[in-house]
Amino acid sequence: MGNLTDTMTLEQQIGQLLMVGFSGVTAPPEVLDVIRSGHVGNICLFSRNIPTPRQSLRLTSSLQTAARDAGQPFPLLIATDQENGIVRRTGPHTTVFPGNMALGAIGSEETVEQISRASGEELRALGILLNLAPVVDVANNPDNPVIGVRSFGADPALVASLGAATVRGLAGNIGSSYPAVARQEAQGAITAINGIGALRSAATGTQIPSLAV
């Protein structure tokens, strides 16, 4: 079986590598243009785009229609980061599932997989096909202002097992970015963010391998 991109032009292949976002609950003309003429194959949605299920489905359907009418060979890969807990993009009209730290305290792969499956079902019903989750950073520093309760915990083995359970749960309905999108292994050790957004890490070179999931 040949590569799926074998019959695509270079411009089409480049477009499939790009992901764009925008403001509002309808796709602006410039976004529709890059889908039609720029062959962009990936869209990232945030809370500003999907305030209600009805609006979400209307938006994702219109985006897919634009791609189909433009002759794109594949459906758009429409994504969001529905980590659950404190990071959820679908508003109050979808199920509020517990976040990673709460699930880490429970420590049950079966529970995590069931919750992820249910979350994936809701996202797919909204036309969202990729979840930019789970977070698999190790929360080895309680003063970390970046990860905090978004992590499953401080034990790398627990983080790995529950991260894998999340992926299994999502897999029945949508895709997961894990492990395609990897964070820096030392990010769990971040202690501060300065005024220009630079990160300071307390992890040493010898600690980083032990924190890797």
N, C-alpha and C. Protein backbone atom coordinates (compact mmCIF):
# COMPACT_ATOMS: atom_id res chain seq x y z
N MET A 1 0.84 -1.19 0.00
CA MET A 1 0.00 0.00 0.00
C MET A 1 0.88 1.24 0.00
N GLY A 2 0.64 2.17 -0.91
CA GLY A 2 1.46 3.35 -1.01
C GLY A 2 1.15 4.36 0.07
N ASN A 3 2.03 5.36 0.17
CA ASN A 3 1.82 6.44 1.10
C ASN A 3 0.59 7.25 0.70
N LEU A 4 -0.17 7.71 1.69
CA LEU A 4 -1.40 8.45 1.40
C LEU A 4 -1.13 9.76 0.68
N THR A 5 0.08 10.26 0.80
CA THR A 5 0.40 11.54 0.17
C THR A 5 1.03 11.39 -1.21
N ASP A 6 1.17 10.17 -1.69
CA ASP A 6 1.87 9.95 -2.96
C ASP A 6 1.22 10.69 -4.12
N THR A 7 -0.09 10.81 -4.10
CA THR A 7 -0.79 11.44 -5.22
C THR A 7 -1.02 12.93 -5.00
N MET A 8 -0.48 13.49 -3.91
CA MET A 8 -0.70 14.89 -3.60
C MET A 8 0.46 15.74 -4.12
N THR A 9 0.15 16.98 -4.49
CA THR A 9 1.20 17.90 -4.90
C THR A 9 1.98 18.34 -3.67
N LEU A 10 3.13 18.97 -3.89
CA LEU A 10 3.93 19.46 -2.77
C LEU A 10 3.14 20.47 -1.95
N GLU A 11 2.40 21.36 -2.62
CA GLU A 11 1.61 22.36 -1.91
C GLU A 11 0.55 21.69 -1.03
N GLN A 12 -0.08 20.63 -1.55
CA GLN A 12 -1.08 19.92 -0.76
C GLN A 12 -0.45 19.23 0.45
N GLN A 13 0.73 18.65 0.25
CA GLN A 13 1.41 17.99 1.36
C GLN A 13 1.78 18.99 2.45
N ILE A 14 2.25 20.17 2.05
CA ILE A 14 2.59 21.20 3.03
C ILE A 14 1.34 21.63 3.79
N GLY A 15 0.25 21.81 3.08
CA GLY A 15 -1.00 22.22 3.72
C GLY A 15 -1.47 21.23 4.77
N GLN A 16 -1.22 19.94 4.54
CA GLN A 16 -1.63 18.93 5.50
C GLN A 16 -0.82 18.97 6.78
N LEU A 17 0.28 19.70 6.78
CA LEU A 17 1.12 19.83 7.97
C LEU A 17 0.76 21.05 8.81
N LEU A 18 -0.10 21.90 8.29
CA LEU A 18 -0.42 23.16 8.96
C LEU A 18 -1.71 23.05 9.75
N MET A 19 -1.74 23.73 10.91
CA MET A 19 -2.95 23.81 11.73
C MET A 19 -3.22 25.27 12.02
N VAL A 20 -4.44 25.71 11.81
CA VAL A 20 -4.78 27.12 12.00
C VAL A 20 -5.92 27.24 13.01
N GLY A 21 -5.97 28.41 13.66
CA GLY A 21 -7.04 28.75 14.57
C GLY A 21 -7.58 30.12 14.23
N PHE A 22 -8.68 30.48 14.84
CA PHE A 22 -9.30 31.77 14.54
C PHE A 22 -10.26 32.14 15.66
N SER A 23 -10.76 33.35 15.65
CA SER A 23 -11.73 33.81 16.64
C SER A 23 -13.15 33.68 16.08
N GLY A 24 -14.12 33.53 16.98
CA GLY A 24 -15.51 33.53 16.55
C GLY A 24 -16.10 32.16 16.34
N VAL A 25 -17.41 32.13 16.17
CA VAL A 25 -18.14 30.87 16.03
C VAL A 25 -18.44 30.51 14.58
N THR A 26 -17.97 31.35 13.66
CA THR A 26 -18.03 31.02 12.24
C THR A 26 -16.65 31.21 11.64
N ALA A 27 -16.35 30.42 10.64
CA ALA A 27 -15.03 30.52 10.02
C ALA A 27 -14.94 31.79 9.18
N PRO A 28 -13.95 32.65 9.44
CA PRO A 28 -13.82 33.87 8.65
C PRO A 28 -13.37 33.55 7.22
N PRO A 29 -13.57 34.48 6.29
CA PRO A 29 -13.21 34.23 4.89
C PRO A 29 -11.75 33.82 4.69
N GLU A 30 -10.84 34.43 5.47
CA GLU A 30 -9.43 34.10 5.27
C GLU A 30 -9.11 32.66 5.66
N VAL A 31 -9.84 32.11 6.63
CA VAL A 31 -9.64 30.70 7.01
C VAL A 31 -10.19 29.79 5.92
N LEU A 32 -11.37 30.11 5.43
CA LEU A 32 -11.94 29.33 4.32
C LEU A 32 -11.03 29.38 3.10
N ASP A 33 -10.38 30.52 2.90
CA ASP A 33 -9.48 30.67 1.76
C ASP A 33 -8.26 29.76 1.88
N VAL A 34 -7.66 29.70 3.10
CA VAL A 34 -6.47 28.85 3.24
C VAL A 34 -6.84 27.37 3.17
N ILE A 35 -8.10 27.03 3.49
CA ILE A 35 -8.54 25.65 3.31
C ILE A 35 -8.69 25.34 1.83
N ARG A 36 -9.26 26.28 1.09
CA ARG A 36 -9.54 26.04 -0.33
C ARG A 36 -8.29 26.16 -1.20
N SER A 37 -7.54 27.23 -1.00
CA SER A 37 -6.40 27.47 -1.89
C SER A 37 -5.06 27.10 -1.27
N GLY A 38 -5.00 27.08 0.06
CA GLY A 38 -3.74 26.73 0.72
C GLY A 38 -3.67 25.29 1.16
N HIS A 39 -4.77 24.55 0.96
CA HIS A 39 -4.81 23.11 1.25
C HIS A 39 -4.59 22.79 2.73
N VAL A 40 -4.85 23.76 3.62
CA VAL A 40 -4.67 23.51 5.05
C VAL A 40 -5.58 22.37 5.48
N GLY A 41 -5.01 21.40 6.20
CA GLY A 41 -5.76 20.21 6.54
C GLY A 41 -6.11 20.05 8.01
N ASN A 42 -5.73 21.05 8.84
CA ASN A 42 -5.93 20.90 10.28
C ASN A 42 -6.42 22.21 10.89
N ILE A 43 -7.40 22.11 11.79
CA ILE A 43 -7.98 23.27 12.46
C ILE A 43 -7.96 23.02 13.96
N CYS A 44 -7.60 24.05 14.73
CA CYS A 44 -7.64 23.94 16.19
C CYS A 44 -8.70 24.89 16.72
N LEU A 45 -9.63 24.35 17.50
CA LEU A 45 -10.72 25.13 18.07
C LEU A 45 -10.50 25.36 19.56
N PHE A 46 -10.94 26.53 20.02
CA PHE A 46 -10.83 26.88 21.43
C PHE A 46 -12.22 27.25 21.96
N SER A 47 -12.29 27.63 23.22
CA SER A 47 -13.57 27.98 23.83
C SER A 47 -14.28 29.08 23.06
N ARG A 48 -13.50 29.99 22.49
CA ARG A 48 -14.09 31.10 21.75
C ARG A 48 -14.84 30.65 20.50
N ASN A 49 -14.57 29.44 20.04
CA ASN A 49 -15.18 28.93 18.81
C ASN A 49 -16.39 28.03 19.07
N ILE A 50 -16.45 27.41 20.24
CA ILE A 50 -17.43 26.34 20.46
C ILE A 50 -18.17 26.53 21.78
N PRO A 51 -18.96 27.62 21.90
CA PRO A 51 -19.66 27.90 23.17
C PRO A 51 -20.81 26.95 23.46
N THR A 52 -21.45 26.41 22.42
CA THR A 52 -22.56 25.47 22.62
C THR A 52 -22.41 24.30 21.66
N PRO A 53 -23.00 23.15 21.97
CA PRO A 53 -22.90 22.01 21.06
C PRO A 53 -23.47 22.32 19.67
N ARG A 54 -24.59 23.02 19.61
CA ARG A 54 -25.21 23.32 18.32
C ARG A 54 -24.28 24.18 17.46
N GLN A 55 -23.70 25.21 18.07
CA GLN A 55 -22.78 26.06 17.32
C GLN A 55 -21.52 25.31 16.92
N SER A 56 -21.07 24.42 17.80
CA SER A 56 -19.88 23.63 17.51
C SER A 56 -20.09 22.76 16.28
N LEU A 57 -21.21 22.06 16.26
CA LEU A 57 -21.48 21.17 15.14
C LEU A 57 -21.69 21.95 13.85
N ARG A 58 -22.33 23.11 13.95
CA ARG A 58 -22.52 23.95 12.77
C ARG A 58 -21.17 24.40 12.21
N LEU A 59 -20.26 24.79 13.11
CA LEU A 59 -18.95 25.26 12.68
C LEU A 59 -18.13 24.14 12.06
N THR A 60 -18.04 23.00 12.74
CA THR A 60 -17.22 21.91 12.20
C THR A 60 -17.78 21.40 10.88
N SER A 61 -19.10 21.38 10.76
CA SER A 61 -19.71 20.93 9.50
C SER A 61 -19.38 21.89 8.36
N SER A 62 -19.41 23.19 8.65
CA SER A 62 -19.10 24.17 7.60
C SER A 62 -17.64 24.08 7.18
N LEU A 63 -16.76 23.80 8.12
CA LEU A 63 -15.34 23.65 7.78
C LEU A 63 -15.12 22.42 6.91
N GLN A 64 -15.74 21.32 7.27
CA GLN A 64 -15.60 20.10 6.46
C GLN A 64 -16.20 20.28 5.08
N THR A 65 -17.29 21.01 4.99
CA THR A 65 -17.90 21.27 3.68
C THR A 65 -16.96 22.07 2.80
N ALA A 66 -16.30 23.07 3.39
CA ALA A 66 -15.34 23.88 2.63
C ALA A 66 -14.19 23.02 2.10
N ALA A 67 -13.70 22.11 2.92
CA ALA A 67 -12.60 21.24 2.49
C ALA A 67 -13.06 20.28 1.40
N ARG A 68 -14.23 19.72 1.57
CA ARG A 68 -14.76 18.78 0.57
C ARG A 68 -15.00 19.48 -0.76
N ASP A 69 -15.60 20.67 -0.70
CA ASP A 69 -15.88 21.42 -1.94
C ASP A 69 -14.60 21.84 -2.65
N ALA A 70 -13.52 22.00 -1.86
CA ALA A 70 -12.24 22.38 -2.45
C ALA A 70 -11.49 21.19 -3.03
N GLY A 71 -12.04 19.99 -2.86
CA GLY A 71 -11.40 18.81 -3.41
C GLY A 71 -10.31 18.23 -2.54
N GLN A 72 -10.29 18.60 -1.26
CA GLN A 72 -9.27 18.03 -0.38
C GLN A 72 -9.46 16.52 -0.30
N PRO A 73 -8.37 15.75 -0.34
CA PRO A 73 -8.50 14.28 -0.38
C PRO A 73 -8.94 13.66 0.92
N PHE A 74 -8.78 14.38 2.04
CA PHE A 74 -9.14 13.84 3.35
C PHE A 74 -9.98 14.85 4.11
N PRO A 75 -10.79 14.38 5.06
CA PRO A 75 -11.50 15.32 5.93
C PRO A 75 -10.50 16.14 6.75
N LEU A 76 -10.90 17.34 7.13
CA LEU A 76 -10.06 18.14 8.01
C LEU A 76 -9.88 17.42 9.34
N LEU A 77 -8.69 17.55 9.91
CA LEU A 77 -8.45 17.05 11.25
C LEU A 77 -8.72 18.22 12.20
N ILE A 78 -9.91 18.23 12.79
CA ILE A 78 -10.33 19.34 13.66
C ILE A 78 -10.02 18.94 15.10
N ALA A 79 -9.27 19.79 15.79
CA ALA A 79 -8.74 19.45 17.11
C ALA A 79 -9.14 20.47 18.17
N THR A 80 -9.05 20.06 19.41
CA THR A 80 -9.13 20.95 20.55
C THR A 80 -8.35 20.29 21.69
N ASP A 81 -8.09 21.05 22.75
CA ASP A 81 -7.42 20.43 23.90
C ASP A 81 -8.40 20.33 25.07
N GLN A 82 -9.09 19.21 25.09
CA GLN A 82 -10.07 18.90 26.13
C GLN A 82 -9.39 17.99 27.14
N GLU A 83 -8.53 18.58 27.97
CA GLU A 83 -7.82 17.79 28.97
C GLU A 83 -8.76 17.32 30.07
N ASN A 84 -9.87 18.05 30.25
CA ASN A 84 -10.81 17.89 31.36
C ASN A 84 -10.21 18.49 32.63
N GLY A 85 -11.01 18.58 33.67
CA GLY A 85 -10.56 19.34 34.84
C GLY A 85 -10.60 20.83 34.54
N ILE A 86 -9.49 21.51 34.77
CA ILE A 86 -9.46 22.97 34.60
C ILE A 86 -9.25 23.39 33.15
N VAL A 87 -8.90 22.46 32.27
CA VAL A 87 -8.71 22.79 30.85
C VAL A 87 -9.73 22.03 30.02
N ARG A 88 -10.81 22.73 29.68
CA ARG A 88 -11.84 22.13 28.83
C ARG A 88 -12.39 23.24 27.96
N ARG A 89 -12.56 22.94 26.67
CA ARG A 89 -12.90 23.97 25.69
C ARG A 89 -14.36 23.96 25.26
N THR A 90 -15.14 22.99 25.71
CA THR A 90 -16.47 22.83 25.14
C THR A 90 -17.58 23.48 25.97
N GLY A 91 -17.23 24.28 26.97
CA GLY A 91 -18.22 25.04 27.69
C GLY A 91 -19.05 24.23 28.66
N PRO A 92 -20.05 24.86 29.26
CA PRO A 92 -20.84 24.21 30.31
C PRO A 92 -21.90 23.24 29.81
N HIS A 93 -22.02 23.12 28.48
CA HIS A 93 -23.10 22.29 27.93
C HIS A 93 -22.67 20.86 27.67
N THR A 94 -21.42 20.53 28.00
CA THR A 94 -20.96 19.15 27.89
C THR A 94 -20.56 18.67 29.28
N THR A 95 -20.35 17.38 29.41
CA THR A 95 -20.06 16.79 30.72
C THR A 95 -18.77 17.33 31.30
N VAL A 96 -18.81 17.69 32.58
CA VAL A 96 -17.61 18.13 33.28
C VAL A 96 -16.95 16.90 33.92
N PHE A 97 -15.89 16.43 33.28
CA PHE A 97 -15.17 15.26 33.79
C PHE A 97 -14.03 15.71 34.70
N PRO A 98 -13.61 14.85 35.63
CA PRO A 98 -12.49 15.21 36.51
C PRO A 98 -11.18 15.32 35.73
N GLY A 99 -10.29 16.14 36.26
CA GLY A 99 -9.00 16.34 35.62
C GLY A 99 -7.98 15.29 36.02
N ASN A 100 -6.78 15.44 35.50
CA ASN A 100 -5.76 14.41 35.67
C ASN A 100 -5.34 14.18 37.12
N MET A 101 -5.17 15.25 37.90
CA MET A 101 -4.71 15.05 39.28
C MET A 101 -5.74 14.25 40.09
N ALA A 102 -7.01 14.54 39.88
CA ALA A 102 -8.05 13.78 40.57
C ALA A 102 -8.03 12.31 40.14
N LEU A 103 -7.85 12.09 38.85
CA LEU A 103 -7.80 10.72 38.35
C LEU A 103 -6.54 10.02 38.83
N GLY A 104 -5.44 10.77 38.95
CA GLY A 104 -4.22 10.19 39.49
C GLY A 104 -4.38 9.75 40.93
N ALA A 105 -5.17 10.51 41.70
CA ALA A 105 -5.42 10.14 43.10
C ALA A 105 -6.23 8.85 43.17
N ILE A 106 -7.13 8.66 42.21
CA ILE A 106 -7.90 7.40 42.16
C ILE A 106 -6.99 6.25 41.74
N GLY A 107 -6.16 6.52 40.71
CA GLY A 107 -5.16 5.55 40.29
C GLY A 107 -5.68 4.36 39.53
N SER A 108 -6.86 4.48 38.93
CA SER A 108 -7.47 3.36 38.23
C SER A 108 -7.39 3.56 36.72
N GLU A 109 -6.67 2.68 36.03
CA GLU A 109 -6.61 2.75 34.57
C GLU A 109 -8.00 2.55 33.96
N GLU A 110 -8.78 1.66 34.55
CA GLU A 110 -10.11 1.38 34.01
C GLU A 110 -10.99 2.63 34.08
N THR A 111 -10.94 3.35 35.20
CA THR A 111 -11.73 4.56 35.34
C THR A 111 -11.29 5.62 34.34
N VAL A 112 -9.99 5.80 34.20
CA VAL A 112 -9.46 6.78 33.27
C VAL A 112 -9.88 6.45 31.85
N GLU A 113 -9.80 5.19 31.49
CA GLU A 113 -10.17 4.77 30.14
C GLU A 113 -11.66 5.01 29.88
N GLN A 114 -12.50 4.73 30.85
CA GLN A 114 -13.94 4.94 30.69
C GLN A 114 -14.26 6.42 30.52
N ILE A 115 -13.63 7.27 31.34
CA ILE A 115 -13.87 8.71 31.24
C ILE A 115 -13.39 9.24 29.90
N SER A 116 -12.23 8.80 29.46
CA SER A 116 -11.69 9.25 28.18
C SER A 116 -12.57 8.80 27.02
N ARG A 117 -13.11 7.62 27.13
CA ARG A 117 -14.01 7.13 26.07
C ARG A 117 -15.26 8.00 25.99
N ALA A 118 -15.83 8.33 27.14
CA ALA A 118 -17.01 9.18 27.16
C ALA A 118 -16.70 10.59 26.65
N SER A 119 -15.54 11.11 27.03
CA SER A 119 -15.13 12.44 26.56
C SER A 119 -14.93 12.43 25.05
N GLY A 120 -14.32 11.37 24.54
CA GLY A 120 -14.11 11.26 23.10
C GLY A 120 -15.42 11.16 22.34
N GLU A 121 -16.40 10.48 22.91
CA GLU A 121 -17.71 10.37 22.27
C GLU A 121 -18.36 11.75 22.13
N GLU A 122 -18.24 12.56 23.17
CA GLU A 122 -18.82 13.90 23.12
C GLU A 122 -18.11 14.76 22.08
N LEU A 123 -16.78 14.68 22.04
CA LEU A 123 -16.03 15.49 21.08
C LEU A 123 -16.38 15.07 19.65
N ARG A 124 -16.46 13.79 19.41
CA ARG A 124 -16.79 13.32 18.06
C ARG A 124 -18.18 13.79 17.65
N ALA A 125 -19.11 13.81 18.59
CA ALA A 125 -20.47 14.28 18.29
C ALA A 125 -20.47 15.75 17.88
N LEU A 126 -19.45 16.49 18.31
CA LEU A 126 -19.33 17.91 17.95
C LEU A 126 -18.53 18.11 16.67
N GLY A 127 -18.03 17.02 16.09
CA GLY A 127 -17.24 17.13 14.87
C GLY A 127 -15.77 17.32 15.13
N ILE A 128 -15.33 17.09 16.35
CA ILE A 128 -13.91 17.23 16.72
C ILE A 128 -13.27 15.86 16.69
N LEU A 129 -12.19 15.72 15.94
CA LEU A 129 -11.61 14.41 15.66
C LEU A 129 -10.25 14.17 16.31
N LEU A 130 -9.69 15.19 16.96
CA LEU A 130 -8.38 15.04 17.60
C LEU A 130 -8.38 15.80 18.92
N ASN A 131 -8.00 15.12 19.99
CA ASN A 131 -7.86 15.76 21.29
C ASN A 131 -6.37 15.96 21.58
N LEU A 132 -5.98 17.21 21.83
CA LEU A 132 -4.58 17.50 22.14
C LEU A 132 -4.34 17.19 23.62
N ALA A 133 -4.44 15.97 23.94
CA ALA A 133 -4.33 15.46 25.30
C ALA A 133 -3.99 13.97 25.23
N PRO A 134 -3.52 13.37 26.31
CA PRO A 134 -3.45 13.92 27.66
C PRO A 134 -2.13 14.62 27.94
N VAL A 135 -2.10 15.38 29.03
CA VAL A 135 -0.86 15.93 29.56
C VAL A 135 -0.12 14.79 30.26
N VAL A 136 1.12 14.57 29.90
CA VAL A 136 1.90 13.50 30.54
C VAL A 136 3.15 14.04 31.21
N ASP A 137 3.09 15.31 31.62
CA ASP A 137 4.18 15.86 32.43
C ASP A 137 4.12 15.28 33.84
N VAL A 138 5.28 15.12 34.43
CA VAL A 138 5.37 14.60 35.80
C VAL A 138 5.38 15.79 36.76
N ALA A 139 4.46 15.79 37.71
CA ALA A 139 4.33 16.90 38.66
C ALA A 139 5.30 16.71 39.82
N ASN A 140 6.58 16.88 39.54
CA ASN A 140 7.59 16.65 40.57
C ASN A 140 7.89 17.91 41.38
N ASN A 141 7.26 19.03 41.04
CA ASN A 141 7.51 20.28 41.76
C ASN A 141 6.17 20.92 42.13
N PRO A 142 5.83 20.97 43.41
CA PRO A 142 4.54 21.53 43.82
C PRO A 142 4.40 23.03 43.55
N ASP A 143 5.53 23.71 43.30
CA ASP A 143 5.48 25.15 43.02
C ASP A 143 5.35 25.46 41.54
N ASN A 144 5.21 24.43 40.72
CA ASN A 144 5.13 24.62 39.27
C ASN A 144 3.85 25.38 38.92
N PRO A 145 3.96 26.55 38.27
CA PRO A 145 2.75 27.30 37.91
C PRO A 145 2.15 26.90 36.57
N VAL A 146 2.80 26.00 35.85
CA VAL A 146 2.37 25.66 34.50
C VAL A 146 1.52 24.40 34.48
N ILE A 147 1.98 23.34 35.13
CA ILE A 147 1.32 22.04 35.04
C ILE A 147 0.34 21.83 36.20
N GLY A 148 0.82 21.80 37.40
CA GLY A 148 -0.05 21.68 38.56
C GLY A 148 -1.00 20.50 38.46
N VAL A 149 -2.31 20.77 38.65
CA VAL A 149 -3.31 19.70 38.66
C VAL A 149 -3.60 19.13 37.29
N ARG A 150 -2.94 19.65 36.26
CA ARG A 150 -3.11 19.07 34.93
C ARG A 150 -2.32 17.77 34.78
N SER A 151 -1.44 17.47 35.73
CA SER A 151 -0.66 16.24 35.71
C SER A 151 -1.37 15.15 36.48
N PHE A 152 -1.08 13.89 36.12
CA PHE A 152 -1.62 12.77 36.87
C PHE A 152 -0.93 12.61 38.23
N GLY A 153 0.28 13.15 38.37
CA GLY A 153 0.97 13.04 39.64
C GLY A 153 2.47 13.10 39.51
N ALA A 154 3.16 12.76 40.60
CA ALA A 154 4.61 12.87 40.67
C ALA A 154 5.34 11.58 40.34
N ASP A 155 4.61 10.49 40.18
CA ASP A 155 5.21 9.18 39.89
C ASP A 155 5.21 8.95 38.38
N PRO A 156 6.40 8.88 37.76
CA PRO A 156 6.45 8.69 36.30
C PRO A 156 5.71 7.45 35.83
N ALA A 157 5.77 6.37 36.60
CA ALA A 157 5.08 5.14 36.19
C ALA A 157 3.58 5.33 36.19
N LEU A 158 3.05 6.03 37.18
CA LEU A 158 1.62 6.31 37.23
C LEU A 158 1.20 7.20 36.07
N VAL A 159 1.99 8.24 35.82
CA VAL A 159 1.69 9.15 34.71
C VAL A 159 1.66 8.38 33.39
N ALA A 160 2.62 7.49 33.20
CA ALA A 160 2.69 6.72 31.96
C ALA A 160 1.49 5.79 31.80
N SER A 161 1.13 5.10 32.87
CA SER A 161 0.03 4.13 32.78
C SER A 161 -1.31 4.82 32.56
N LEU A 162 -1.55 5.93 33.26
CA LEU A 162 -2.82 6.63 33.09
C LEU A 162 -2.86 7.41 31.78
N GLY A 163 -1.71 7.88 31.33
CA GLY A 163 -1.65 8.51 30.00
C GLY A 163 -2.01 7.52 28.91
N ALA A 164 -1.48 6.30 29.03
CA ALA A 164 -1.80 5.26 28.05
C ALA A 164 -3.27 4.88 28.11
N ALA A 165 -3.84 4.85 29.32
CA ALA A 165 -5.26 4.54 29.47
C ALA A 165 -6.13 5.61 28.82
N THR A 166 -5.70 6.86 28.93
CA THR A 166 -6.43 7.95 28.28
C THR A 166 -6.45 7.76 26.77
N VAL A 167 -5.31 7.43 26.22
CA VAL A 167 -5.22 7.22 24.77
C VAL A 167 -6.11 6.06 24.34
N ARG A 168 -6.10 5.00 25.11
CA ARG A 168 -6.95 3.85 24.76
C ARG A 168 -8.42 4.25 24.77
N GLY A 169 -8.81 5.05 25.76
CA GLY A 169 -10.20 5.46 25.83
C GLY A 169 -10.61 6.36 24.68
N LEU A 170 -9.74 7.27 24.31
CA LEU A 170 -10.04 8.17 23.19
C LEU A 170 -10.07 7.44 21.86
N ALA A 171 -9.25 6.40 21.75
CA ALA A 171 -9.01 5.78 20.45
C ALA A 171 -10.26 5.20 19.80
N GLY A 172 -11.26 4.87 20.57
CA GLY A 172 -12.47 4.31 19.99
C GLY A 172 -13.31 5.32 19.24
N ASN A 173 -13.02 6.61 19.45
CA ASN A 173 -13.84 7.65 18.85
C ASN A 173 -13.04 8.69 18.07
N ILE A 174 -11.94 9.15 18.65
CA ILE A 174 -11.14 10.20 18.01
C ILE A 174 -9.67 9.90 18.22
N GLY A 175 -8.82 10.77 17.68
CA GLY A 175 -7.39 10.61 17.86
C GLY A 175 -6.90 11.38 19.08
N SER A 176 -5.70 11.04 19.51
CA SER A 176 -5.03 11.73 20.61
C SER A 176 -3.68 12.22 20.13
N SER A 177 -3.25 13.36 20.64
CA SER A 177 -1.95 13.89 20.22
C SER A 177 -0.81 13.14 20.89
N TYR A 178 -1.07 12.40 21.94
CA TYR A 178 -0.02 11.67 22.65
C TYR A 178 0.30 10.39 21.89
N PRO A 179 1.55 10.04 21.62
CA PRO A 179 2.74 10.78 22.02
C PRO A 179 3.32 11.67 20.92
N ALA A 180 2.50 11.99 19.91
CA ALA A 180 3.04 12.76 18.78
C ALA A 180 3.50 14.13 19.21
N VAL A 181 2.83 14.74 20.19
CA VAL A 181 3.24 16.05 20.67
C VAL A 181 3.86 15.86 22.03
N ALA A 182 5.17 15.99 22.11
CA ALA A 182 5.89 15.74 23.36
C ALA A 182 6.29 17.05 24.01
N ARG A 183 6.16 17.11 25.32
CA ARG A 183 6.63 18.27 26.07
C ARG A 183 8.07 18.03 26.49
N GLN A 184 8.75 19.07 26.90
CA GLN A 184 10.08 18.91 27.43
C GLN A 184 9.99 18.10 28.71
N GLU A 185 10.90 17.16 28.87
CA GLU A 185 10.84 16.28 30.02
C GLU A 185 11.05 17.02 31.33
N ALA A 186 11.69 18.17 31.28
CA ALA A 186 11.95 18.92 32.50
C ALA A 186 10.84 19.89 32.84
N GLN A 187 9.80 19.95 32.04
CA GLN A 187 8.78 20.97 32.25
C GLN A 187 8.10 20.82 33.60
N GLY A 188 8.01 19.60 34.10
CA GLY A 188 7.41 19.41 35.40
C GLY A 188 8.18 20.08 36.51
N ALA A 189 9.43 20.45 36.25
CA ALA A 189 10.26 21.06 37.28
C ALA A 189 10.26 22.58 37.20
N ILE A 190 9.48 23.17 36.32
CA ILE A 190 9.44 24.62 36.17
C ILE A 190 8.96 25.27 37.46
N THR A 191 9.62 26.35 37.87
CA THR A 191 9.26 27.00 39.12
C THR A 191 8.75 28.42 38.93
N ALA A 192 8.97 29.04 37.78
CA ALA A 192 8.54 30.43 37.64
C ALA A 192 8.40 30.80 36.18
N ILE A 193 7.58 31.81 35.93
CA ILE A 193 7.46 32.40 34.60
C ILE A 193 7.74 33.88 34.76
N ASN A 194 8.71 34.40 34.03
CA ASN A 194 9.01 35.82 34.18
C ASN A 194 8.15 36.65 33.24
N GLY A 195 8.38 37.96 33.24
CA GLY A 195 7.52 38.87 32.50
C GLY A 195 7.50 38.66 31.01
N ILE A 196 8.51 38.04 30.44
CA ILE A 196 8.53 37.85 28.99
C ILE A 196 8.22 36.40 28.61
N GLY A 197 7.78 35.63 29.59
CA GLY A 197 7.33 34.29 29.28
C GLY A 197 8.41 33.24 29.29
N ALA A 198 9.64 33.58 29.67
CA ALA A 198 10.70 32.58 29.72
C ALA A 198 10.49 31.67 30.93
N LEU A 199 10.92 30.42 30.81
CA LEU A 199 10.71 29.44 31.87
C LEU A 199 12.02 29.13 32.56
N ARG A 200 11.95 29.01 33.90
CA ARG A 200 13.14 28.61 34.65
C ARG A 200 12.88 27.23 35.21
N SER A 201 13.80 26.32 34.98
CA SER A 201 13.62 24.94 35.42
C SER A 201 14.63 24.59 36.50
N ALA A 202 14.16 23.82 37.50
CA ALA A 202 15.02 23.38 38.57
C ALA A 202 15.59 22.00 38.32
N ALA A 203 15.21 21.37 37.24
CA ALA A 203 15.69 20.02 36.95
C ALA A 203 17.13 20.05 36.49
N THR A 204 17.89 19.09 36.93
CA THR A 204 19.28 18.96 36.49
C THR A 204 19.35 17.97 35.35
N GLY A 205 20.51 17.91 34.71
CA GLY A 205 20.69 16.99 33.61
C GLY A 205 20.52 15.55 34.02
N THR A 206 20.86 15.23 35.28
CA THR A 206 20.72 13.85 35.73
C THR A 206 19.29 13.53 36.10
N GLN A 207 18.49 14.56 36.44
CA GLN A 207 17.11 14.31 36.81
C GLN A 207 16.21 14.08 35.60
N ILE A 208 16.53 14.72 34.50
CA ILE A 208 15.65 14.68 33.35
C ILE A 208 15.34 13.25 32.88
N PRO A 209 16.34 12.37 32.71
CA PRO A 209 15.98 11.02 32.26
C PRO A 209 15.03 10.30 33.23
N SER A 210 15.15 10.55 34.52
CA SER A 210 14.30 9.86 35.49
C SER A 210 12.88 10.37 35.46
N LEU A 211 12.67 11.57 34.88
CA LEU A 211 11.34 12.13 34.80
C LEU A 211 10.64 11.77 33.49
N ALA A 212 11.39 11.19 32.56
CA ALA A 212 10.83 10.91 31.24
C ALA A 212 9.76 9.83 31.33
N VAL A 213 8.62 10.11 30.71
CA VAL A 213 7.55 9.13 30.62
C VAL A 213 7.72 8.31 29.37
